[in-house]
Amino acid sequence: MARDILFSGIQPSGQLNIGHYFGAVKNWLRMQEDFDCLFSLVNLHAITVRQAPAELKKRSLDFVAAYMACGIDPEKSVIFAQSDVPEHSELMWLLSCHTYMGELERMTQYKDKIAKHTDNINLGLFSYPVLMAADILLYQTKAVPVGADQKQHLELARDLANRMNNAYGQLFTVPEPYIPSTEAGGRIMSLLEPEKKMSKSDENAGNYIALLDDPKTILKKVKRAVTDTDTIIRYDRDNKPGVSNLLTLLSGATGKAISELESEYDGKGYGHLKTDTGEAIVALLAPIQAEFHRLRDNEAELMQVMKQGACKARERASHTLKQVKKAMGLM
């Protein structure tokens, strides 16, 4: 039986960190067993903000190597760069002609981005959600992993799928949000500001643990993590966000339930918790880092993976695009 198609776009920006691994990548490993997965490096989205070309290329290859090192398997999933599949841009134009200005003006991410990039308020920032809709609809995607900041964009993709289907017949699968089952409290927060989510774009490196941080750096960052003036190690996101975050990290790195860890650390101090959390993360990342460097040192292998992925993606994308153009009366 054919599996449902799942699409996830990965923007090559910032530093991949442990929060991204626990919050997304570990779920993708399960997804590729249950879904027909396409993982796209969405580098066209990245250039809505000015990029140094050489750095963008290097970071893109770093991301591909990192995801493969974490376990994303090109034999099980399609891994490709968005810019290698021109059907994304062509479908975006067709969808743009059915997208209303008011829909895009309401996007909160657009408002946030133009506030941050006042010297580069470009059309790409405004039309970004239409390209995201094209990314999804092009592959007849059924499931899309989304965070809170992308829900508006997925709703637009759903609206456009229904709008086009009503106008031209059944062209697109209407995508659904996919929210993986996780333990309560599984969200990884900033080390120094535990009230906010750990971000790969954070300018303060002390707030996150990068997947490629060396052991000494990891231990130092965890030891500097914010806790509180209390001395009890227990999970309480509202009143003890820093300690709760360390417990979440340790749980993710060891596979132990948070309730089990609370019992284990009963009567112990924050120093014990920080040391053990840091060492567990170092142990978790060691094989990932070793595989990353092996892959990254063989750039030809990475490029071949991307080339093969693009061929597979284009085969699927071209079928959808032909159907859409035919329905719209385009030659």
C-alpha atoms as a PDB file:
ATOM      1  CA  MET A   1       0.000   0.000   0.000  1.00  0.00           C
ATOM      2  CA  ALA A   2       1.300   3.458  -0.933  1.00  0.00           C
ATOM      3  CA  ARG A   3       2.324   5.532   2.062  1.00  0.00           C
ATOM      4  CA  ASP A   4       1.156   9.106   2.650  1.00  0.00           C
ATOM      5  CA  ILE A   5       3.595  11.703   1.346  1.00  0.00           C
ATOM      6  CA  LEU A   6       5.308  13.953   3.890  1.00  0.00           C
ATOM      7  CA  PHE A   7       7.228  17.097   2.909  1.00  0.00           C
ATOM      8  CA  SER A   8       9.503  19.119   5.149  1.00  0.00           C
ATOM      9  CA  GLY A   9      11.546  22.140   4.094  1.00  0.00           C
ATOM     10  CA  ILE A  10      14.842  22.859   5.801  1.00  0.00           C
ATOM     11  CA  GLN A  11      16.235  26.383   5.483  1.00  0.00           C
ATOM     12  CA  PRO A  12      20.073  26.491   5.516  1.00  0.00           C
ATOM     13  CA  SER A  13      20.478  29.292   8.028  1.00  0.00           C
ATOM     14  CA  GLY A  14      22.102  29.624  11.427  1.00  0.00           C
ATOM     15  CA  GLN A  15      23.605  26.785  13.437  1.00  0.00           C
ATOM     16  CA  LEU A  16      21.907  23.410  13.776  1.00  0.00           C
ATOM     17  CA  ASN A  17      21.566  22.763  17.479  1.00  0.00           C
ATOM     18  CA  ILE A  18      20.484  20.136  19.978  1.00  0.00           C
ATOM     19  CA  GLY A  19      16.999  21.656  20.179  1.00  0.00           C
ATOM     20  CA  HIS A  20      16.559  21.153  16.459  1.00  0.00           C
ATOM     21  CA  TYR A  21      17.745  17.561  16.807  1.00  0.00           C
ATOM     22  CA  PHE A  22      15.313  16.674  19.615  1.00  0.00           C
ATOM     23  CA  GLY A  23      12.452  18.786  18.293  1.00  0.00           C
ATOM     24  CA  ALA A  24      12.621  17.852  14.618  1.00  0.00           C
ATOM     25  CA  VAL A  25      15.318  15.467  13.390  1.00  0.00           C
ATOM     26  CA  LYS A  26      14.525  12.599  15.796  1.00  0.00           C
ATOM     27  CA  ASN A  27      10.914  12.794  14.633  1.00  0.00           C
ATOM     28  CA  TRP A  28      12.023  12.737  10.984  1.00  0.00           C
ATOM     29  CA  LEU A  29      13.856   9.469  11.629  1.00  0.00           C
ATOM     30  CA  ARG A  30      10.556   7.909  12.712  1.00  0.00           C
ATOM     31  CA  MET A  31       8.672   9.612   9.889  1.00  0.00           C
ATOM     32  CA  GLN A  32      10.841   8.097   7.176  1.00  0.00           C
ATOM     33  CA  GLU A  33       9.745   4.670   8.380  1.00  0.00           C
ATOM     34  CA  ASP A  34       6.042   5.567   8.282  1.00  0.00           C
ATOM     35  CA  PHE A  35       5.772   8.072   5.394  1.00  0.00           C
ATOM     36  CA  ASP A  36       7.021   8.610   1.867  1.00  0.00           C
ATOM     37  CA  CYS A  37       9.305  11.511   2.877  1.00  0.00           C
ATOM     38  CA  LEU A  38      10.764  14.401   0.922  1.00  0.00           C
ATOM     39  CA  PHE A  39      13.256  16.595   2.759  1.00  0.00           C
ATOM     40  CA  SER A  40      14.141  19.727   0.820  1.00  0.00           C
ATOM     41  CA  LEU A  41      16.923  22.185   1.516  1.00  0.00           C
ATOM     42  CA  VAL A  42      14.844  25.303   0.827  1.00  0.00           C
ATOM     43  CA  ASN A  43      17.665  27.585  -0.263  1.00  0.00           C
ATOM     44  CA  LEU A  44      15.356  29.806  -2.353  1.00  0.00           C
ATOM     45  CA  HIS A  45      13.617  30.796   0.865  1.00  0.00           C
ATOM     46  CA  ALA A  46      16.992  31.592   2.424  1.00  0.00           C
ATOM     47  CA  ILE A  47      17.854  34.300  -0.124  1.00  0.00           C
ATOM     48  CA  THR A  48      14.973  36.543   0.944  1.00  0.00           C
ATOM     49  CA  VAL A  49      17.693  37.752   3.316  1.00  0.00           C
ATOM     50  CA  ARG A  50      21.031  38.708   1.734  1.00  0.00           C
ATOM     51  CA  GLN A  51      23.488  35.806   1.750  1.00  0.00           C
ATOM     52  CA  ALA A  52      27.207  35.570   1.012  1.00  0.00           C
ATOM     53  CA  PRO A  53      27.201  33.108  -1.933  1.00  0.00           C
ATOM     54  CA  ALA A  54      30.209  31.037  -0.843  1.00  0.00           C
ATOM     55  CA  GLU A  55      28.901  30.834   2.729  1.00  0.00           C
ATOM     56  CA  LEU A  56      25.410  29.802   1.561  1.00  0.00           C
ATOM     57  CA  LYS A  57      26.846  26.959  -0.520  1.00  0.00           C
ATOM     58  CA  LYS A  58      29.073  25.765   2.338  1.00  0.00           C
ATOM     59  CA  ARG A  59      26.249  25.937   4.880  1.00  0.00           C
ATOM     60  CA  SER A  60      23.921  24.063   2.529  1.00  0.00           C
ATOM     61  CA  LEU A  61      26.363  21.172   2.246  1.00  0.00           C
ATOM     62  CA  ASP A  62      26.925  21.283   6.008  1.00  0.00           C
ATOM     63  CA  PHE A  63      23.188  20.911   6.575  1.00  0.00           C
ATOM     64  CA  VAL A  64      22.872  17.977   4.192  1.00  0.00           C
ATOM     65  CA  ALA A  65      25.832  16.227   5.831  1.00  0.00           C
ATOM     66  CA  ALA A  66      24.426  16.913   9.308  1.00  0.00           C
ATOM     67  CA  TYR A  67      21.001  15.498   8.522  1.00  0.00           C
ATOM     68  CA  MET A  68      22.491  12.407   6.939  1.00  0.00           C
ATOM     69  CA  ALA A  69      24.815  12.001   9.934  1.00  0.00           C
ATOM     70  CA  CYS A  70      21.763  12.128  12.198  1.00  0.00           C
ATOM     71  CA  GLY A  71      20.163   9.292  10.257  1.00  0.00           C
ATOM     72  CA  ILE A  72      18.183  10.757   7.347  1.00  0.00           C
ATOM     73  CA  ASP A  73      18.720   8.018   4.758  1.00  0.00           C
ATOM     74  CA  PRO A  74      18.748   8.941   1.028  1.00  0.00           C
ATOM     75  CA  GLU A  75      17.693   5.356   0.290  1.00  0.00           C
ATOM     76  CA  LYS A  76      14.512   5.836   2.338  1.00  0.00           C
ATOM     77  CA  SER A  77      13.817   9.547   1.793  1.00  0.00           C
ATOM     78  CA  VAL A  78      14.259  12.016  -1.056  1.00  0.00           C
ATOM     79  CA  ILE A  79      16.866  14.648  -0.119  1.00  0.00           C
ATOM     80  CA  PHE A  80      17.236  17.559  -2.540  1.00  0.00           C
ATOM     81  CA  ALA A  81      17.853  21.279  -2.925  1.00  0.00           C
ATOM     82  CA  GLN A  82      14.840  23.407  -3.799  1.00  0.00           C
ATOM     83  CA  SER A  83      16.846  25.372  -6.376  1.00  0.00           C
ATOM     84  CA  ASP A  84      17.558  22.142  -8.308  1.00  0.00           C
ATOM     85  CA  VAL A  85      13.830  21.650  -9.004  1.00  0.00           C
ATOM     86  CA  PRO A  86      12.608  24.623 -11.107  1.00  0.00           C
ATOM     87  CA  GLU A  87       9.033  23.348 -10.898  1.00  0.00           C
ATOM     88  CA  HIS A  88       8.856  24.956  -7.425  1.00  0.00           C
ATOM     89  CA  SER A  89       9.259  28.436  -8.885  1.00  0.00           C
ATOM     90  CA  GLU A  90       6.925  27.799 -11.824  1.00  0.00           C
ATOM     91  CA  LEU A  91       4.109  26.466  -9.650  1.00  0.00           C
ATOM     92  CA  MET A  92       4.632  29.426  -7.324  1.00  0.00           C
ATOM     93  CA  TRP A  93       3.738  31.787 -10.193  1.00  0.00           C
ATOM     94  CA  LEU A  94       0.604  29.833 -11.056  1.00  0.00           C
ATOM     95  CA  LEU A  95      -0.458  29.885  -7.397  1.00  0.00           C
ATOM     96  CA  SER A  96       0.426  33.590  -7.087  1.00  0.00           C
ATOM     97  CA  CYS A  97      -2.249  34.375  -9.655  1.00  0.00           C
ATOM     98  CA  HIS A  98      -4.801  32.820  -7.294  1.00  0.00           C
ATOM     99  CA  THR A  99      -3.463  34.334  -4.054  1.00  0.00           C
ATOM    100  CA  TYR A 100      -5.041  37.489  -2.650  1.00  0.00           C
ATOM    101  CA  MET A 101      -2.937  40.410  -1.432  1.00  0.00           C
ATOM    102  CA  GLY A 102      -4.871  40.537   1.819  1.00  0.00           C
ATOM    103  CA  GLU A 103      -3.938  36.947   2.604  1.00  0.00           C
ATOM    104  CA  LEU A 104      -0.231  37.743   2.374  1.00  0.00           C
ATOM    105  CA  GLU A 105      -0.521  41.065   4.202  1.00  0.00           C
ATOM    106  CA  ARG A 106      -1.909  39.222   7.231  1.00  0.00           C
ATOM    107  CA  MET A 107       1.121  36.950   7.585  1.00  0.00           C
ATOM    108  CA  THR A 108       2.783  37.632  10.934  1.00  0.00           C
ATOM    109  CA  GLN A 109       6.173  36.324   9.765  1.00  0.00           C
ATOM    110  CA  TYR A 110       6.206  38.939   6.990  1.00  0.00           C
ATOM    111  CA  LYS A 111       5.591  41.674   9.552  1.00  0.00           C
ATOM    112  CA  ASP A 112       8.339  40.305  11.793  1.00  0.00           C
ATOM    113  CA  LYS A 113      10.858  40.019   8.960  1.00  0.00           C
ATOM    114  CA  ILE A 114      10.355  43.497   7.531  1.00  0.00           C
ATOM    115  CA  ALA A 115      10.824  44.857  11.041  1.00  0.00           C
ATOM    116  CA  LYS A 116      14.200  43.072  11.273  1.00  0.00           C
ATOM    117  CA  HIS A 117      15.396  43.760   7.709  1.00  0.00           C
ATOM    118  CA  THR A 118      14.362  47.352   7.104  1.00  0.00           C
ATOM    119  CA  ASP A 119      17.154  47.821   4.536  1.00  0.00           C
ATOM    120  CA  ASN A 120      15.924  44.907   2.380  1.00  0.00           C
ATOM    121  CA  ILE A 121      12.116  44.775   2.273  1.00  0.00           C
ATOM    122  CA  ASN A 122      11.826  42.761  -0.922  1.00  0.00           C
ATOM    123  CA  LEU A 123       9.031  41.030  -2.807  1.00  0.00           C
ATOM    124  CA  GLY A 124      10.426  37.642  -1.782  1.00  0.00           C
ATOM    125  CA  LEU A 125       9.679  38.357   1.877  1.00  0.00           C
ATOM    126  CA  PHE A 126       6.080  39.143   0.923  1.00  0.00           C
ATOM    127  CA  SER A 127       5.506  36.212  -1.440  1.00  0.00           C
ATOM    128  CA  TYR A 128       7.468  33.667   0.639  1.00  0.00           C
ATOM    129  CA  PRO A 129       4.263  31.838   1.745  1.00  0.00           C
ATOM    130  CA  VAL A 130       3.223  31.227  -1.879  1.00  0.00           C
ATOM    131  CA  LEU A 131       6.548  29.523  -2.591  1.00  0.00           C
ATOM    132  CA  MET A 132       6.058  27.468   0.564  1.00  0.00           C
ATOM    133  CA  ALA A 133       2.606  26.456  -0.688  1.00  0.00           C
ATOM    134  CA  ALA A 134       4.165  25.428  -4.015  1.00  0.00           C
ATOM    135  CA  ASP A 135       6.809  23.388  -2.163  1.00  0.00           C
ATOM    136  CA  ILE A 136       4.060  21.427  -0.426  1.00  0.00           C
ATOM    137  CA  LEU A 137       1.415  21.076  -3.150  1.00  0.00           C
ATOM    138  CA  LEU A 138       3.891  20.104  -5.866  1.00  0.00           C
ATOM    139  CA  TYR A 139       4.350  16.636  -4.362  1.00  0.00           C
ATOM    140  CA  GLN A 140       0.704  15.901  -3.469  1.00  0.00           C
ATOM    141  CA  THR A 141       1.781  16.145   0.148  1.00  0.00           C
ATOM    142  CA  LYS A 142      -0.581  14.771   2.761  1.00  0.00           C
ATOM    143  CA  ALA A 143       1.410  15.538   5.927  1.00  0.00           C
ATOM    144  CA  VAL A 144       3.508  18.592   6.814  1.00  0.00           C
ATOM    145  CA  PRO A 145       5.396  18.856  10.131  1.00  0.00           C
ATOM    146  CA  VAL A 146       4.781  22.408  11.343  1.00  0.00           C
ATOM    147  CA  GLY A 147       5.672  24.562  14.279  1.00  0.00           C
ATOM    148  CA  ALA A 148       3.546  27.374  15.656  1.00  0.00           C
ATOM    149  CA  ASP A 149       5.350  29.942  13.454  1.00  0.00           C
ATOM    150  CA  GLN A 150       4.379  28.113  10.238  1.00  0.00           C
ATOM    151  CA  LYS A 151       0.701  27.375  10.864  1.00  0.00           C
ATOM    152  CA  GLN A 152      -0.439  30.437   8.896  1.00  0.00           C
ATOM    153  CA  HIS A 153       1.623  29.347   5.900  1.00  0.00           C
ATOM    154  CA  LEU A 154       0.173  25.847   5.916  1.00  0.00           C
ATOM    155  CA  GLU A 155      -3.336  27.285   6.134  1.00  0.00           C
ATOM    156  CA  LEU A 156      -2.599  29.321   2.999  1.00  0.00           C
ATOM    157  CA  ALA A 157      -1.401  26.161   1.215  1.00  0.00           C
ATOM    158  CA  ARG A 158      -4.651  24.438   2.199  1.00  0.00           C
ATOM    159  CA  ASP A 159      -6.737  27.400   1.029  1.00  0.00           C
ATOM    160  CA  LEU A 160      -4.915  27.512  -2.320  1.00  0.00           C
ATOM    161  CA  ALA A 161      -5.313  23.754  -2.833  1.00  0.00           C
ATOM    162  CA  ASN A 162      -9.056  24.011  -2.252  1.00  0.00           C
ATOM    163  CA  ARG A 163      -9.343  27.154  -4.392  1.00  0.00           C
ATOM    164  CA  MET A 164      -7.532  25.558  -7.327  1.00  0.00           C
ATOM    165  CA  ASN A 165      -9.429  22.283  -6.959  1.00  0.00           C
ATOM    166  CA  ASN A 166     -12.760  24.133  -7.002  1.00  0.00           C
ATOM    167  CA  ALA A 167     -11.741  26.140 -10.057  1.00  0.00           C
ATOM    168  CA  TYR A 168     -10.080  23.447 -12.181  1.00  0.00           C
ATOM    169  CA  GLY A 169     -10.938  20.036 -10.773  1.00  0.00           C
ATOM    170  CA  GLN A 170      -8.955  17.778  -8.455  1.00  0.00           C
ATOM    171  CA  LEU A 171      -5.378  18.989  -8.892  1.00  0.00           C
ATOM    172  CA  PHE A 172      -3.909  18.903  -5.389  1.00  0.00           C
ATOM    173  CA  THR A 173      -4.019  16.846  -2.229  1.00  0.00           C
ATOM    174  CA  VAL A 174      -5.100  19.142   0.605  1.00  0.00           C
ATOM    175  CA  PRO A 175      -2.232  18.929   3.121  1.00  0.00           C
ATOM    176  CA  GLU A 176      -2.725  18.333   6.829  1.00  0.00           C
ATOM    177  CA  PRO A 177      -0.492  19.489   9.694  1.00  0.00           C
ATOM    178  CA  TYR A 178       1.500  16.647  11.205  1.00  0.00           C
ATOM    179  CA  ILE A 179       2.320  17.010  14.873  1.00  0.00           C
ATOM    180  CA  PRO A 180       4.441  14.082  16.108  1.00  0.00           C
ATOM    181  CA  SER A 181       3.620  12.626  19.492  1.00  0.00           C
ATOM    182  CA  THR A 182       6.209  13.771  22.033  1.00  0.00           C
ATOM    183  CA  GLU A 183       6.466  13.700  25.793  1.00  0.00           C
ATOM    184  CA  ALA A 184       5.098  16.760  27.542  1.00  0.00           C
ATOM    185  CA  GLY A 185       7.834  19.319  27.965  1.00  0.00           C
ATOM    186  CA  GLY A 186       9.927  17.962  25.086  1.00  0.00           C
ATOM    187  CA  ARG A 187      10.529  21.426  23.677  1.00  0.00           C
ATOM    188  CA  ILE A 188      14.140  22.550  24.133  1.00  0.00           C
ATOM    189  CA  MET A 189      14.623  26.067  25.451  1.00  0.00           C
ATOM    190  CA  SER A 190      17.511  28.542  25.446  1.00  0.00           C
ATOM    191  CA  LEU A 191      20.241  27.787  28.010  1.00  0.00           C
ATOM    192  CA  LEU A 192      20.577  31.373  29.210  1.00  0.00           C
ATOM    193  CA  GLU A 193      16.987  32.487  28.559  1.00  0.00           C
ATOM    194  CA  PRO A 194      14.904  29.378  29.310  1.00  0.00           C
ATOM    195  CA  GLU A 195      11.619  31.211  28.749  1.00  0.00           C
ATOM    196  CA  LYS A 196      12.259  31.235  24.985  1.00  0.00           C
ATOM    197  CA  LYS A 197      12.820  28.409  22.508  1.00  0.00           C
ATOM    198  CA  MET A 198      16.372  27.410  21.563  1.00  0.00           C
ATOM    199  CA  SER A 199      16.952  28.847  18.088  1.00  0.00           C
ATOM    200  CA  LYS A 200      19.478  28.033  15.370  1.00  0.00           C
ATOM    201  CA  SER A 201      19.496  31.735  14.437  1.00  0.00           C
ATOM    202  CA  ASP A 202      20.280  33.044  17.942  1.00  0.00           C
ATOM    203  CA  GLU A 203      23.127  35.564  17.853  1.00  0.00           C
ATOM    204  CA  ASN A 204      24.317  34.527  21.326  1.00  0.00           C
ATOM    205  CA  ALA A 205      26.132  31.182  20.997  1.00  0.00           C
ATOM    206  CA  GLY A 206      25.772  30.643  24.746  1.00  0.00           C
ATOM    207  CA  ASN A 207      22.038  30.106  24.285  1.00  0.00           C
ATOM    208  CA  TYR A 208      22.348  26.905  22.272  1.00  0.00           C
ATOM    209  CA  ILE A 209      24.414  23.749  21.894  1.00  0.00           C
ATOM    210  CA  ALA A 210      25.388  23.369  18.243  1.00  0.00           C
ATOM    211  CA  LEU A 211      25.485  19.841  16.862  1.00  0.00           C
ATOM    212  CA  LEU A 212      29.152  20.388  15.995  1.00  0.00           C
ATOM    213  CA  ASP A 213      30.260  21.967  19.279  1.00  0.00           C
ATOM    214  CA  ASP A 214      33.308  20.188  20.723  1.00  0.00           C
ATOM    215  CA  PRO A 215      32.976  18.420  24.107  1.00  0.00           C
ATOM    216  CA  LYS A 216      34.739  21.178  26.056  1.00  0.00           C
ATOM    217  CA  THR A 217      32.412  23.829  24.643  1.00  0.00           C
ATOM    218  CA  ILE A 218      29.320  21.726  25.355  1.00  0.00           C
ATOM    219  CA  LEU A 219      30.295  21.141  28.979  1.00  0.00           C
ATOM    220  CA  LYS A 220      31.075  24.836  29.451  1.00  0.00           C
ATOM    221  CA  LYS A 221      27.729  25.950  27.969  1.00  0.00           C
ATOM    222  CA  VAL A 222      25.711  23.525  30.096  1.00  0.00           C
ATOM    223  CA  LYS A 223      27.548  24.566  33.277  1.00  0.00           C
ATOM    224  CA  ARG A 224      26.643  28.195  32.534  1.00  0.00           C
ATOM    225  CA  ALA A 225      22.972  27.363  31.943  1.00  0.00           C
ATOM    226  CA  VAL A 226      20.493  29.347  34.023  1.00  0.00           C
ATOM    227  CA  THR A 227      18.812  27.478  36.893  1.00  0.00           C
ATOM    228  CA  ASP A 228      17.245  29.203  39.944  1.00  0.00           C
ATOM    229  CA  THR A 229      17.792  29.944  43.622  1.00  0.00           C
ATOM    230  CA  ASP A 230      15.897  26.827  44.706  1.00  0.00           C
ATOM    231  CA  THR A 231      17.871  23.637  45.304  1.00  0.00           C
ATOM    232  CA  ILE A 232      15.262  21.051  44.360  1.00  0.00           C
ATOM    233  CA  ILE A 233      15.595  19.246  41.018  1.00  0.00           C
ATOM    234  CA  ARG A 234      12.061  18.857  39.688  1.00  0.00           C
ATOM    235  CA  TYR A 235      10.219  19.488  36.449  1.00  0.00           C
ATOM    236  CA  ASP A 236       8.126  22.680  36.529  1.00  0.00           C
ATOM    237  CA  ARG A 237       8.135  24.725  33.299  1.00  0.00           C
ATOM    238  CA  ASP A 238       6.339  27.703  34.853  1.00  0.00           C
ATOM    239  CA  ASN A 239       8.352  28.136  38.037  1.00  0.00           C
ATOM    240  CA  LYS A 240      11.638  26.343  37.249  1.00  0.00           C
ATOM    241  CA  PRO A 241      12.165  26.773  33.486  1.00  0.00           C
ATOM    242  CA  GLY A 242      15.968  26.420  33.592  1.00  0.00           C
ATOM    243  CA  VAL A 243      16.005  23.224  35.648  1.00  0.00           C
ATOM    244  CA  SER A 244      13.103  21.820  33.606  1.00  0.00           C
ATOM    245  CA  ASN A 245      15.077  22.485  30.440  1.00  0.00           C
ATOM    246  CA  LEU A 246      18.122  20.615  31.767  1.00  0.00           C
ATOM    247  CA  LEU A 247      15.907  17.667  32.718  1.00  0.00           C
ATOM    248  CA  THR A 248      14.409  17.686  29.234  1.00  0.00           C
ATOM    249  CA  LEU A 249      17.874  17.684  27.652  1.00  0.00           C
ATOM    250  CA  LEU A 250      19.067  14.864  29.899  1.00  0.00           C
ATOM    251  CA  SER A 251      15.923  12.874  29.190  1.00  0.00           C
ATOM    252  CA  GLY A 252      16.411  13.287  25.444  1.00  0.00           C
ATOM    253  CA  ALA A 253      20.085  12.347  25.585  1.00  0.00           C
ATOM    254  CA  THR A 254      19.650   9.269  27.819  1.00  0.00           C
ATOM    255  CA  GLY A 255      16.161   8.055  26.932  1.00  0.00           C
ATOM    256  CA  LYS A 256      15.123   8.130  30.601  1.00  0.00           C
ATOM    257  CA  ALA A 257      11.734   9.530  31.571  1.00  0.00           C
ATOM    258  CA  ILE A 258      11.768  12.882  33.355  1.00  0.00           C
ATOM    259  CA  SER A 259       9.941  11.353  36.341  1.00  0.00           C
ATOM    260  CA  GLU A 260      12.732   8.765  36.622  1.00  0.00           C
ATOM    261  CA  LEU A 261      15.368  11.504  36.550  1.00  0.00           C
ATOM    262  CA  GLU A 262      13.562  13.488  39.249  1.00  0.00           C
ATOM    263  CA  SER A 263      13.811  10.457  41.554  1.00  0.00           C
ATOM    264  CA  GLU A 264      17.430   9.869  40.580  1.00  0.00           C
ATOM    265  CA  TYR A 265      18.454  13.426  41.460  1.00  0.00           C
ATOM    266  CA  ASP A 266      16.442  13.689  44.652  1.00  0.00           C
ATOM    267  CA  GLY A 267      18.792  15.256  47.199  1.00  0.00           C
ATOM    268  CA  LYS A 268      21.473  16.123  44.620  1.00  0.00           C
ATOM    269  CA  GLY A 269      22.514  19.601  43.538  1.00  0.00           C
ATOM    270  CA  TYR A 270      22.391  21.480  40.262  1.00  0.00           C
ATOM    271  CA  GLY A 271      26.102  20.809  39.724  1.00  0.00           C
ATOM    272  CA  HIS A 272      25.435  17.077  39.429  1.00  0.00           C
ATOM    273  CA  LEU A 273      22.575  17.693  37.007  1.00  0.00           C
ATOM    274  CA  LYS A 274      24.630  20.002  34.799  1.00  0.00           C
ATOM    275  CA  THR A 275      27.661  17.712  34.689  1.00  0.00           C
ATOM    276  CA  ASP A 276      25.597  14.651  33.812  1.00  0.00           C
ATOM    277  CA  THR A 277      23.549  16.558  31.219  1.00  0.00           C
ATOM    278  CA  GLY A 278      26.670  17.900  29.521  1.00  0.00           C
ATOM    279  CA  GLU A 279      28.367  14.490  29.445  1.00  0.00           C
ATOM    280  CA  ALA A 280      25.218  12.785  28.112  1.00  0.00           C
ATOM    281  CA  ILE A 281      24.974  15.298  25.265  1.00  0.00           C
ATOM    282  CA  VAL A 282      28.669  14.852  24.433  1.00  0.00           C
ATOM    283  CA  ALA A 283      28.163  11.067  24.265  1.00  0.00           C
ATOM    284  CA  LEU A 284      25.037  11.447  22.103  1.00  0.00           C
ATOM    285  CA  LEU A 285      26.699  13.780  19.599  1.00  0.00           C
ATOM    286  CA  ALA A 286      30.070  11.986  19.311  1.00  0.00           C
ATOM    287  CA  PRO A 287      28.997   9.444  16.633  1.00  0.00           C
ATOM    288  CA  ILE A 288      26.937  12.083  14.802  1.00  0.00           C
ATOM    289  CA  GLN A 289      29.921  14.418  14.628  1.00  0.00           C
ATOM    290  CA  ALA A 290      32.230  11.632  13.450  1.00  0.00           C
ATOM    291  CA  GLU A 291      29.818  10.705  10.631  1.00  0.00           C
ATOM    292  CA  PHE A 292      29.348  14.372   9.729  1.00  0.00           C
ATOM    293  CA  HIS A 293      33.079  14.880   9.214  1.00  0.00           C
ATOM    294  CA  ARG A 294      33.318  11.682   7.168  1.00  0.00           C
ATOM    295  CA  LEU A 295      30.526  12.846   4.869  1.00  0.00           C
ATOM    296  CA  ARG A 296      31.677  16.449   4.717  1.00  0.00           C
ATOM    297  CA  ASP A 297      35.194  15.405   3.710  1.00  0.00           C
ATOM    298  CA  ASN A 298      33.717  13.649   0.678  1.00  0.00           C
ATOM    299  CA  GLU A 299      31.930  16.516  -1.058  1.00  0.00           C
ATOM    300  CA  ALA A 300      31.517  14.509  -4.276  1.00  0.00           C
ATOM    301  CA  GLU A 301      29.412  11.952  -2.387  1.00  0.00           C
ATOM    302  CA  LEU A 302      27.193  14.690  -0.971  1.00  0.00           C
ATOM    303  CA  MET A 303      26.720  16.283  -4.373  1.00  0.00           C
ATOM    304  CA  GLN A 304      25.770  12.886  -5.825  1.00  0.00           C
ATOM    305  CA  VAL A 305      23.126  12.423  -3.128  1.00  0.00           C
ATOM    306  CA  MET A 306      21.687  15.853  -3.966  1.00  0.00           C
ATOM    307  CA  LYS A 307      21.761  15.132  -7.708  1.00  0.00           C
ATOM    308  CA  GLN A 308      19.931  11.834  -7.301  1.00  0.00           C
ATOM    309  CA  GLY A 309      17.418  13.445  -4.944  1.00  0.00           C
ATOM    310  CA  ALA A 310      16.739  16.258  -7.402  1.00  0.00           C
ATOM    311  CA  CYS A 311      16.088  13.743 -10.201  1.00  0.00           C
ATOM    312  CA  LYS A 312      13.571  11.870  -8.041  1.00  0.00           C
ATOM    313  CA  ALA A 313      11.909  15.120  -6.949  1.00  0.00           C
ATOM    314  CA  ARG A 314      11.676  16.480 -10.506  1.00  0.00           C
ATOM    315  CA  GLU A 315      10.032  13.295 -11.742  1.00  0.00           C
ATOM    316  CA  ARG A 316       7.234  13.776  -9.204  1.00  0.00           C
ATOM    317  CA  ALA A 317       7.053  17.550  -9.521  1.00  0.00           C
ATOM    318  CA  SER A 318       6.822  17.579 -13.307  1.00  0.00           C
ATOM    319  CA  HIS A 319       3.778  15.313 -13.235  1.00  0.00           C
ATOM    320  CA  THR A 320       1.860  17.682 -10.946  1.00  0.00           C
ATOM    321  CA  LEU A 321       2.939  20.775 -12.862  1.00  0.00           C
ATOM    322  CA  LYS A 322       1.842  19.305 -16.209  1.00  0.00           C
ATOM    323  CA  GLN A 323      -1.580  18.547 -14.788  1.00  0.00           C
ATOM    324  CA  VAL A 324      -1.957  22.067 -13.412  1.00  0.00           C
ATOM    325  CA  LYS A 325      -0.859  23.752 -16.649  1.00  0.00           C
ATOM    326  CA  LYS A 326      -3.171  21.572 -18.702  1.00  0.00           C
ATOM    327  CA  ALA A 327      -6.118  22.349 -16.427  1.00  0.00           C
ATOM    328  CA  MET A 328      -5.404  26.088 -16.659  1.00  0.00           C
ATOM    329  CA  GLY A 329      -5.245  26.032 -20.460  1.00  0.00           C
ATOM    330  CA  LEU A 330      -1.512  26.645 -20.740  1.00  0.00           C
ATOM    331  CA  MET A 331       0.207  25.134 -23.786  1.00  0.00           C
END
